[in-house]
N, C-alpha and C. Protein backbone atom coordinates (compact mmCIF):
# COMPACT_ATOMS: atom_id res chain seq x y z
N MET A 1 104.36 109.91 89.71
CA MET A 1 103.25 110.25 90.87
C MET A 1 104.72 110.73 91.86
N LEU A 2 106.11 110.45 92.03
CA LEU A 2 106.42 110.55 92.88
C LEU A 2 106.50 112.45 93.30
N ALA A 3 106.87 112.24 91.32
CA ALA A 3 107.10 114.01 91.42
C ALA A 3 106.46 114.18 91.78
N ALA A 4 105.25 114.28 91.27
CA ALA A 4 104.47 115.15 91.80
C ALA A 4 103.85 115.24 92.99
N SER A 5 104.18 114.30 94.34
CA SER A 5 104.05 114.34 95.72
C SER A 5 104.22 115.17 96.03
N PHE A 6 105.91 115.96 95.11
CA PHE A 6 106.90 116.50 95.51
C PHE A 6 106.64 118.37 95.31
N CYS A 7 106.22 118.02 93.79
CA CYS A 7 105.51 119.49 93.47
C CYS A 7 104.80 119.60 94.61
N LEU A 8 103.48 119.23 94.87
CA LEU A 8 102.57 119.57 95.50
C LEU A 8 103.03 119.87 96.93
N THR A 9 103.18 118.61 97.26
CA THR A 9 104.40 119.23 98.25
C THR A 9 105.14 120.70 98.49
N ALA A 10 106.02 120.67 98.00
CA ALA A 10 106.07 122.03 97.68
C ALA A 10 105.23 123.85 97.83
N LEU A 11 104.37 122.62 96.70
CA LEU A 11 103.37 124.18 96.49
C LEU A 11 103.14 124.82 97.50
N VAL A 12 102.64 123.57 98.49
CA VAL A 12 101.91 124.39 99.75
C VAL A 12 102.30 124.39 101.26
N THR A 13 103.22 124.14 100.57
CA THR A 13 104.33 124.45 102.43
C THR A 13 105.76 124.95 102.53
N VAL A 14 105.71 125.52 100.90
CA VAL A 14 107.29 126.04 100.70
C VAL A 14 106.62 128.40 101.14
N PRO A 15 104.93 128.13 100.00
CA PRO A 15 104.71 129.14 100.57
C PRO A 15 104.47 129.97 102.24
N VAL A 16 104.30 129.00 102.74
CA VAL A 16 103.56 129.43 103.95
C VAL A 16 104.38 129.90 104.71
N VAL A 17 105.85 129.42 104.39
CA VAL A 17 107.47 130.14 105.27
C VAL A 17 108.09 131.88 104.39
N VAL A 18 107.99 131.55 103.16
CA VAL A 18 107.09 132.57 102.43
C VAL A 18 107.44 134.02 102.50
N LEU A 19 105.70 134.29 102.65
CA LEU A 19 104.51 134.55 103.35
C LEU A 19 104.51 134.71 105.09
N LEU A 20 105.09 134.58 105.55
CA LEU A 20 104.93 134.88 106.86
C LEU A 20 105.35 135.93 106.83
N PRO A 21 106.79 136.29 106.58
CA PRO A 21 106.60 137.72 106.92
C PRO A 21 105.31 138.92 107.13
N THR A 22 105.11 139.06 105.77
CA THR A 22 104.05 139.55 105.49
C THR A 22 102.63 139.91 106.44
N LEU A 23 102.39 137.96 106.93
CA LEU A 23 101.20 137.26 107.50
C LEU A 23 101.81 138.34 109.03
N LEU A 24 103.31 138.46 109.45
CA LEU A 24 103.51 138.21 110.95
C LEU A 24 103.69 140.36 110.92
N VAL A 25 103.80 140.85 109.80
CA VAL A 25 103.67 142.47 110.13
C VAL A 25 102.20 142.91 109.79
N GLU A 26 101.37 142.19 108.88
CA GLU A 26 100.03 142.67 108.44
C GLU A 26 99.31 142.23 109.86
N GLN A 27 99.09 141.22 110.64
CA GLN A 27 97.94 140.52 111.19
C GLN A 27 98.75 140.46 112.76
N TYR A 28 100.08 140.12 112.89
CA TYR A 28 100.73 140.96 114.49
C TYR A 28 101.78 142.13 114.91
N GLY A 29 102.11 143.00 113.94
CA GLY A 29 102.39 144.46 113.66
C GLY A 29 103.68 144.65 114.33
N ARG A 30 104.28 142.73 114.29
CA ARG A 30 105.00 142.71 114.08
C ARG A 30 106.29 144.06 112.94
N SER A 31 107.46 144.23 113.75
CA SER A 31 108.78 144.77 112.25
C SER A 31 108.81 143.95 111.80
N ALA A 32 109.53 144.35 110.74
CA ALA A 32 109.96 143.50 109.80
C ALA A 32 110.84 142.77 109.94
N ALA A 33 112.03 143.65 110.96
CA ALA A 33 113.17 142.94 111.54
C ALA A 33 112.49 141.94 112.33
N ALA A 34 112.24 141.92 112.93
CA ALA A 34 111.57 141.01 113.73
C ALA A 34 110.52 139.56 113.21
N ALA A 35 109.68 139.84 111.89
CA ALA A 35 109.16 138.85 110.91
C ALA A 35 110.20 138.26 110.82
N GLY A 36 110.98 139.04 109.97
CA GLY A 36 112.39 138.39 109.64
C GLY A 36 113.44 137.31 109.78
N ALA A 37 113.66 137.91 111.83
CA ALA A 37 114.67 137.02 112.25
C ALA A 37 113.05 135.52 113.04
N LEU A 38 111.95 135.52 112.82
CA LEU A 38 111.26 134.15 113.26
C LEU A 38 110.97 133.66 111.90
N THR A 39 110.62 134.12 110.99
CA THR A 39 110.90 133.35 109.46
C THR A 39 111.89 132.26 109.83
N SER A 40 113.11 133.28 109.67
CA SER A 40 114.65 132.31 109.95
C SER A 40 115.15 131.27 110.90
N ALA A 41 114.02 131.44 111.55
CA ALA A 41 114.19 130.21 113.17
C ALA A 41 113.72 129.52 112.23
N ILE A 42 112.15 130.08 111.75
CA ILE A 42 110.94 129.15 111.44
C ILE A 42 110.86 127.93 110.34
N SER A 43 111.75 128.38 109.34
CA SER A 43 112.21 127.96 108.34
C SER A 43 113.58 126.72 108.33
N LEU A 44 114.44 127.04 109.40
CA LEU A 44 115.58 126.08 109.18
C LEU A 44 114.83 124.80 110.30
N LEU A 45 113.05 125.29 110.79
CA LEU A 45 112.61 123.06 111.34
C LEU A 45 112.89 122.44 109.72
N GLY A 46 112.94 123.21 108.51
CA GLY A 46 112.87 121.58 107.95
C GLY A 46 113.65 121.05 108.24
N VAL A 47 115.27 121.26 108.82
CA VAL A 47 116.40 120.75 108.42
C VAL A 47 115.98 119.27 109.65
N PRO A 48 115.16 119.43 110.50
CA PRO A 48 115.41 118.26 111.37
C PRO A 48 114.70 117.45 110.35
N GLY A 49 113.60 117.60 110.06
CA GLY A 49 112.21 117.40 109.76
C GLY A 49 113.29 116.16 108.67
N GLY A 50 113.75 117.16 107.81
CA GLY A 50 114.90 115.79 106.93
C GLY A 50 116.08 114.78 107.31
N LEU A 51 116.26 114.98 108.51
CA LEU A 51 117.39 114.46 109.49
C LEU A 51 116.14 113.31 109.86
N VAL A 52 114.66 113.80 110.66
CA VAL A 52 114.12 112.68 111.33
C VAL A 52 113.48 111.85 110.79
N ALA A 53 113.53 111.69 109.36
CA ALA A 53 112.66 111.47 108.15
C ALA A 53 114.00 110.40 107.97
N GLY A 54 115.04 110.65 107.67
CA GLY A 54 115.93 110.26 107.45
C GLY A 54 115.96 108.58 108.44
N ILE A 55 116.21 109.35 109.96
CA ILE A 55 117.14 108.64 110.88
C ILE A 55 115.71 107.03 111.14
N LEU A 56 114.41 107.86 110.89
CA LEU A 56 113.10 106.55 111.15
C LEU A 56 113.09 105.72 109.75
N LEU A 57 113.03 106.14 109.04
CA LEU A 57 113.51 105.50 107.34
C LEU A 57 114.75 103.51 107.98
N ARG A 58 115.76 104.46 108.38
CA ARG A 58 117.23 103.57 109.18
C ARG A 58 116.73 102.33 109.71
N ARG A 59 115.28 102.88 110.19
CA ARG A 59 114.91 102.00 111.68
C ARG A 59 113.77 101.17 111.38
N GLY A 60 113.41 101.46 109.80
CA GLY A 60 112.46 100.30 109.14
C GLY A 60 111.02 101.14 109.08
N ALA A 61 111.12 102.35 109.85
CA ALA A 61 109.78 103.01 109.36
C ALA A 61 109.09 103.32 108.17
N PRO A 62 108.16 102.32 107.87
CA PRO A 62 106.93 101.95 106.62
C PRO A 62 106.97 103.81 106.17
N LEU A 63 107.55 104.24 105.13
CA LEU A 63 107.17 105.18 103.98
C LEU A 63 105.95 105.65 103.99
N GLY A 64 104.88 104.83 103.46
CA GLY A 64 103.82 105.42 103.61
C GLY A 64 103.06 106.13 104.79
N ALA A 65 103.96 105.33 105.94
CA ALA A 65 103.41 105.34 107.50
C ALA A 65 103.78 107.25 108.50
N LEU A 66 105.22 106.77 107.94
CA LEU A 66 105.75 108.46 107.86
C LEU A 66 105.44 110.08 106.95
N ALA A 67 104.64 109.35 106.05
CA ALA A 67 104.01 109.98 104.57
C ALA A 67 103.05 110.63 105.30
N ALA A 68 102.29 109.24 106.01
CA ALA A 68 100.99 110.38 106.70
C ALA A 68 101.18 110.90 107.80
N SER A 69 102.55 111.26 108.48
CA SER A 69 102.37 112.61 109.61
C SER A 69 102.16 113.94 108.57
N GLY A 70 102.74 114.04 107.58
CA GLY A 70 102.58 115.19 106.27
C GLY A 70 100.80 116.05 106.91
N LEU A 71 99.93 115.00 107.01
CA LEU A 71 98.30 115.12 107.45
C LEU A 71 98.29 116.60 108.64
N LEU A 72 99.63 116.33 109.96
CA LEU A 72 99.73 117.25 110.17
C LEU A 72 99.42 118.98 109.98
N VAL A 73 100.21 119.20 109.19
CA VAL A 73 99.73 119.85 108.08
C VAL A 73 98.66 121.32 107.88
N VAL A 74 97.76 120.22 107.76
CA VAL A 74 96.34 120.83 107.81
C VAL A 74 95.87 121.16 108.52
N PRO A 75 96.32 120.90 110.20
CA PRO A 75 95.82 121.93 111.60
C PRO A 75 96.87 122.63 111.68
N ALA A 76 98.10 122.42 111.36
CA ALA A 76 99.06 123.58 111.14
C ALA A 76 99.14 125.03 110.36
N ALA A 77 98.35 124.97 109.34
CA ALA A 77 97.36 125.62 108.25
C ALA A 77 96.47 126.19 109.23
N TRP A 78 95.90 126.01 109.87
CA TRP A 78 94.17 126.50 110.54
C TRP A 78 95.31 127.66 111.21
N PHE A 79 95.88 126.65 111.98
CA PHE A 79 96.48 128.09 113.02
C PHE A 79 96.95 129.34 113.21
N VAL A 80 97.96 129.13 111.70
CA VAL A 80 98.51 130.06 110.90
C VAL A 80 98.11 131.05 110.41
N TYR A 81 96.59 130.39 109.80
CA TYR A 81 95.21 131.98 109.06
C TYR A 81 94.61 131.84 109.30
N SER A 82 94.21 131.38 110.66
CA SER A 82 92.61 131.90 111.29
C SER A 82 92.95 133.26 111.94
N ASP A 83 92.09 133.16 111.85
CA ASP A 83 91.72 134.98 112.07
C ASP A 83 91.58 135.11 114.13
N GLY A 84 92.33 135.78 114.19
CA GLY A 84 92.73 135.72 115.92
C GLY A 84 93.20 135.04 116.57
N THR A 85 93.97 134.09 115.85
CA THR A 85 95.02 133.70 116.55
C THR A 85 95.95 133.77 117.51
N PRO A 86 96.18 133.40 118.31
CA PRO A 86 97.33 134.29 119.20
C PRO A 86 99.45 133.60 118.13
N LEU A 87 99.86 135.07 118.87
CA LEU A 87 101.42 134.66 117.76
C LEU A 87 102.07 133.02 117.94
N ALA A 88 101.70 133.40 119.05
CA ALA A 88 102.55 131.61 119.45
C ALA A 88 102.09 130.74 118.72
N ALA A 89 100.49 130.36 118.48
CA ALA A 89 100.27 128.89 117.83
C ALA A 89 100.26 129.59 116.46
N ALA A 90 100.39 130.72 116.18
CA ALA A 90 100.83 130.43 114.45
C ALA A 90 102.09 130.25 114.02
N ALA A 91 103.15 130.92 115.11
CA ALA A 91 104.73 130.84 114.43
C ALA A 91 104.92 129.54 114.97
N THR A 92 103.68 128.67 115.76
CA THR A 92 104.42 126.86 115.94
C THR A 92 103.30 125.91 114.47
N GLY A 93 102.51 126.31 114.25
CA GLY A 93 101.88 126.41 113.21
C GLY A 93 102.99 126.19 111.57
N ALA A 94 103.37 127.56 111.90
CA ALA A 94 103.88 127.90 110.80
C ALA A 94 105.48 127.08 110.68
N GLY A 95 105.91 126.23 112.54
CA GLY A 95 107.12 125.78 112.69
C GLY A 95 106.96 124.30 111.78
N VAL A 96 106.06 123.54 112.61
CA VAL A 96 105.58 122.06 111.89
C VAL A 96 105.39 122.02 110.50
N ILE A 97 104.96 123.34 109.85
CA ILE A 97 104.50 123.28 108.33
C ILE A 97 106.29 122.72 107.77
N ALA A 98 107.00 124.16 108.84
CA ALA A 98 108.37 123.36 108.41
C ALA A 98 108.56 122.68 108.17
N LEU A 99 108.88 121.88 108.92
CA LEU A 99 108.87 120.55 109.74
C LEU A 99 109.23 119.43 108.59
N GLU A 100 107.08 119.48 108.30
CA GLU A 100 106.74 118.82 107.50
C GLU A 100 107.54 118.75 105.96
N ASN A 101 107.57 120.50 105.79
CA ASN A 101 107.84 120.14 104.85
C ASN A 101 109.67 119.44 103.84
N GLY A 102 110.21 119.30 105.03
CA GLY A 102 111.84 119.12 105.66
C GLY A 102 111.71 117.36 105.27
N LEU A 103 110.83 116.93 106.06
CA LEU A 103 110.36 115.82 106.07
C LEU A 103 109.94 115.04 105.23
N LEU A 104 108.89 115.12 104.59
CA LEU A 104 108.28 115.30 103.23
C LEU A 104 109.71 115.08 102.08
N GLY A 105 109.79 115.58 101.87
CA GLY A 105 110.97 116.31 100.91
C GLY A 105 112.10 115.15 101.21
N ALA A 106 112.93 114.58 102.28
CA ALA A 106 113.82 114.43 102.50
C ALA A 106 112.89 112.55 101.92
N LEU A 107 110.91 112.50 102.46
CA LEU A 107 110.49 111.29 101.96
C LEU A 107 110.76 110.75 100.27
N VAL A 108 110.44 111.37 99.93
CA VAL A 108 110.34 111.74 98.27
C VAL A 108 111.86 111.65 98.09
N PHE A 109 113.16 111.73 98.16
CA PHE A 109 113.66 111.74 97.91
C PHE A 109 114.42 110.01 98.39
N ALA A 110 114.21 109.41 99.45
CA ALA A 110 115.13 108.33 99.69
C ALA A 110 113.37 107.15 99.21
N ALA A 111 112.78 107.68 98.67
CA ALA A 111 111.81 106.38 97.95
C ALA A 111 112.58 106.83 96.98
N LEU A 112 113.00 107.74 96.12
CA LEU A 112 113.93 107.79 94.34
C LEU A 112 114.17 106.10 94.28
N PRO A 113 114.77 106.08 94.85
CA PRO A 113 115.85 104.09 94.43
C PRO A 113 114.73 103.16 94.65
N LEU A 114 113.55 103.20 95.11
CA LEU A 114 112.53 102.33 95.69
C LEU A 114 111.76 102.24 94.18
N VAL A 115 111.56 103.34 93.03
CA VAL A 115 110.15 103.57 92.14
C VAL A 115 110.79 103.36 91.01
N LEU A 116 112.39 103.38 90.67
CA LEU A 116 113.07 103.08 89.35
C LEU A 116 113.44 102.34 88.82
N GLU A 117 112.91 100.98 87.90
CA GLU A 117 113.27 100.38 87.00
C GLU A 117 114.85 99.81 87.32
N ARG A 118 115.88 100.40 87.22
CA ARG A 118 116.72 100.57 87.49
C ARG A 118 117.73 101.42 88.81
N LEU A 119 118.73 101.46 89.03
CA LEU A 119 119.48 102.89 89.46
C LEU A 119 120.54 103.51 88.75
N ASP A 120 120.74 102.70 87.58
CA ASP A 120 121.43 103.66 86.09
C ASP A 120 120.56 105.07 85.93
N HIS A 121 119.01 104.34 86.43
CA HIS A 121 117.97 105.63 85.70
C HIS A 121 118.06 106.81 87.64
N ALA A 122 118.49 106.79 88.33
CA ALA A 122 118.83 107.20 89.32
C ALA A 122 118.73 108.92 89.40
N ASP A 123 119.55 109.41 87.86
CA ASP A 123 120.05 110.30 87.46
C ASP A 123 119.56 111.52 86.81
N VAL A 124 118.17 110.33 86.05
CA VAL A 124 117.09 111.31 85.46
C VAL A 124 115.60 111.63 85.91
N GLY A 125 115.66 109.97 87.06
CA GLY A 125 114.53 111.01 88.19
C GLY A 125 115.37 111.23 88.86
N ASN A 126 116.28 111.94 89.34
CA ASN A 126 116.34 112.89 91.33
C ASN A 126 115.29 114.21 89.90
N GLY A 127 116.41 114.21 88.94
CA GLY A 127 116.03 115.95 88.63
C GLY A 127 114.82 115.73 87.56
N VAL A 128 113.80 114.52 87.79
CA VAL A 128 112.69 115.16 87.47
C VAL A 128 112.20 115.41 88.47
N VAL A 129 112.50 114.24 90.05
CA VAL A 129 112.09 114.84 91.38
C VAL A 129 111.77 116.28 91.36
N ALA A 130 113.78 116.96 91.14
CA ALA A 130 114.05 117.73 91.55
C ALA A 130 113.19 119.23 91.25
N GLN A 131 113.09 118.71 89.62
CA GLN A 131 113.40 120.02 88.77
C GLN A 131 110.88 120.18 89.03
N ALA A 132 110.30 118.67 89.86
CA ALA A 132 108.93 118.31 89.63
C ALA A 132 108.94 119.50 91.10
N GLY A 133 109.59 120.16 91.83
CA GLY A 133 109.43 120.71 93.49
C GLY A 133 110.08 121.53 93.92
N SER A 134 111.03 122.06 92.34
CA SER A 134 111.23 123.98 91.71
C SER A 134 109.82 124.36 91.25
N LEU A 135 109.12 123.25 90.47
CA LEU A 135 108.22 124.07 89.55
C LEU A 135 107.12 124.17 90.92
N GLY A 136 106.58 123.47 91.78
CA GLY A 136 105.99 124.03 93.05
C GLY A 136 106.65 124.94 94.07
N SER A 137 107.71 125.21 94.18
CA SER A 137 108.29 126.40 94.71
C SER A 137 107.99 127.34 93.92
N LEU A 138 108.05 127.52 93.18
CA LEU A 138 107.75 128.56 92.14
C LEU A 138 106.53 128.89 91.83
N LEU A 139 105.25 128.64 91.69
CA LEU A 139 104.40 128.84 91.89
C LEU A 139 103.69 129.07 92.71
N GLY A 140 103.74 128.12 93.97
CA GLY A 140 103.45 128.75 94.87
C GLY A 140 103.02 129.83 95.38
N PRO A 141 104.19 130.88 95.65
CA PRO A 141 104.19 131.90 96.50
C PRO A 141 103.43 132.71 95.77
N PRO A 142 103.87 133.24 94.62
CA PRO A 142 102.61 133.72 93.80
C PRO A 142 101.05 133.86 93.75
N MET A 143 100.79 131.57 94.09
CA MET A 143 99.82 131.79 93.63
C MET A 143 98.12 131.95 95.48
N PHE A 144 99.73 131.74 96.00
CA PHE A 144 99.59 131.86 97.56
C PHE A 144 98.97 133.74 98.04
N GLY A 145 99.99 134.04 97.24
CA GLY A 145 99.72 135.57 97.34
C GLY A 145 98.67 136.00 96.54
N LEU A 146 98.57 135.68 95.93
CA LEU A 146 96.49 135.84 94.98
C LEU A 146 95.81 135.76 95.98
N VAL A 147 95.46 133.77 96.51
CA VAL A 147 94.22 133.90 96.88
C VAL A 147 94.18 134.47 98.11
N ALA A 148 95.38 134.90 99.15
CA ALA A 148 95.31 136.09 100.06
C ALA A 148 94.86 137.12 100.05
N GLY A 149 95.75 137.79 99.22
CA GLY A 149 95.27 138.87 98.25
C GLY A 149 93.78 139.13 98.26
N GLY A 150 93.08 138.74 97.38
CA GLY A 150 92.07 138.21 96.59
C GLY A 150 90.66 138.17 98.30
N PHE A 151 91.00 136.85 98.68
CA PHE A 151 90.30 135.95 99.73
C PHE A 151 90.29 136.45 100.97
N GLY A 152 91.89 136.82 101.59
CA GLY A 152 91.92 136.96 102.72
C GLY A 152 93.33 135.63 103.84
N PHE A 153 94.00 135.68 104.29
CA PHE A 153 95.00 134.40 104.20
C PHE A 153 94.06 133.11 104.82
N PRO A 154 93.00 133.52 105.73
CA PRO A 154 92.42 132.09 105.70
C PRO A 154 91.59 131.70 105.15
N SER A 155 91.55 132.13 103.52
CA SER A 155 91.22 131.08 102.47
C SER A 155 92.05 130.18 102.00
N LEU A 156 93.04 130.61 102.85
CA LEU A 156 94.66 129.74 102.05
C LEU A 156 94.43 127.96 102.94
N VAL A 157 93.60 127.97 104.21
CA VAL A 157 93.56 126.93 104.68
C VAL A 157 93.16 125.83 104.29
N PRO A 158 91.89 126.12 103.39
CA PRO A 158 91.40 124.62 101.91
C PRO A 158 92.64 124.90 101.35
N VAL A 159 93.11 125.63 100.67
CA VAL A 159 93.80 125.40 99.36
C VAL A 159 95.74 124.10 100.23
N ILE A 160 95.62 124.65 101.45
CA ILE A 160 96.18 123.84 101.86
C ILE A 160 96.00 122.42 102.40
N ALA A 161 95.06 122.43 102.53
CA ALA A 161 94.26 121.47 103.01
C ALA A 161 94.29 120.32 101.84
N ALA A 162 94.00 120.44 100.79
CA ALA A 162 93.51 119.48 99.57
C ALA A 162 94.59 119.75 99.01
N GLY A 163 95.69 120.82 98.92
CA GLY A 163 97.42 120.01 98.11
C GLY A 163 98.14 119.00 99.12
N THR A 164 98.03 119.46 100.56
CA THR A 164 98.56 118.79 101.47
C THR A 164 98.09 116.94 101.41
N LEU A 165 96.23 117.05 101.02
CA LEU A 165 95.93 115.31 101.49
C LEU A 165 96.05 115.06 99.57
N ALA A 166 96.39 115.17 98.34
CA ALA A 166 97.09 114.71 97.55
C ALA A 166 98.74 114.75 97.55
N ALA A 167 99.42 115.29 97.59
CA ALA A 167 100.34 114.91 98.37
C ALA A 167 100.85 113.96 98.67
N VAL A 168 99.97 114.24 100.55
CA VAL A 168 100.22 112.42 100.89
C VAL A 168 99.34 111.18 100.49
N GLY A 169 98.30 111.18 100.03
CA GLY A 169 97.55 110.58 99.00
C GLY A 169 99.08 110.17 98.05
N ALA A 170 99.57 110.69 97.02
CA ALA A 170 100.44 110.03 96.31
C ALA A 170 101.53 109.38 96.72
N LEU A 171 102.44 109.87 97.46
CA LEU A 171 103.33 109.25 98.47
C LEU A 171 103.15 108.48 98.61
N ALA A 172 101.78 108.25 99.82
CA ALA A 172 101.65 106.39 100.39
C ALA A 172 101.56 105.65 99.14
N LEU A 173 100.34 105.88 98.33
CA LEU A 173 100.86 105.18 97.25
C LEU A 173 101.90 104.95 96.68
N VAL A 174 102.75 105.58 96.44
CA VAL A 174 104.41 104.92 95.82
C VAL A 174 104.53 104.32 96.96
N GLY A 175 104.63 104.55 98.77
CA GLY A 175 105.18 104.35 99.09
C GLY A 175 104.91 102.55 98.82
N THR A 176 103.41 102.29 99.04
CA THR A 176 102.50 101.72 99.41
C THR A 176 102.99 100.00 97.81
N ARG A 177 103.40 100.90 96.81
CA ARG A 177 103.61 100.42 95.18
C ARG A 177 105.37 99.84 95.58
N ALA A 178 106.57 100.14 96.38
CA ALA A 178 107.63 100.09 96.07
C ALA A 178 107.90 98.31 97.29
N VAL A 179 106.25 98.61 98.35
CA VAL A 179 107.16 97.70 99.69
C VAL A 179 106.33 96.72 97.87
N ARG A 180 104.97 96.63 97.79
CA ARG A 180 104.79 95.36 96.89
C ARG A 180 105.81 94.76 95.88
N ARG A 181 106.39 96.11 95.90
CA ARG A 181 107.69 95.85 94.83
C ARG A 181 108.85 95.03 95.01
N THR A 182 108.91 95.56 96.09
CA THR A 182 109.71 94.99 97.21
C THR A 182 110.10 93.23 97.61
N ALA A 183 108.75 93.56 97.76
CA ALA A 183 108.33 92.15 98.84
C ALA A 183 108.27 91.04 97.24
N GLY A 184 107.88 91.82 96.15
CA GLY A 184 107.51 90.43 94.84
C GLY A 184 109.10 90.48 94.59
């Protein structure tokens, strides 16, 4: 379940950053250099997202509550891909998605020790989770490209919403099970 959550998270968040330069050039008339610079800055927001997850977990924040913050991806996607959205709103939406990508990814890896039967299974568990994230990262951009190419950028919003709801739900379920297991 943890690996599936990470796969879905990567599947719906990574392509937003990957396709952002295309969106900025096609929809906002930005130069390739300007689009690349803005995309680079936005992609860096995943780093503080991961740091925030670590800090909040260390202070006792429940995994499920932090996972629920991933639902911010849905309205952020609407800002990124809706027709007529001002550039500042689209960039802010993409920034929120990048931030949540970092946060949710950190939560997945932080939850791993909570779900393993034994800690000496961490090597295999880590590998499975990492490969699931890689799978989502590799499948997402071409899938998003096909959907956007065939139906336009706004058609990505329901795809992101469905994937985000499934990913956050799976991660919250893992958090609930982990709490029960550590309490028992």
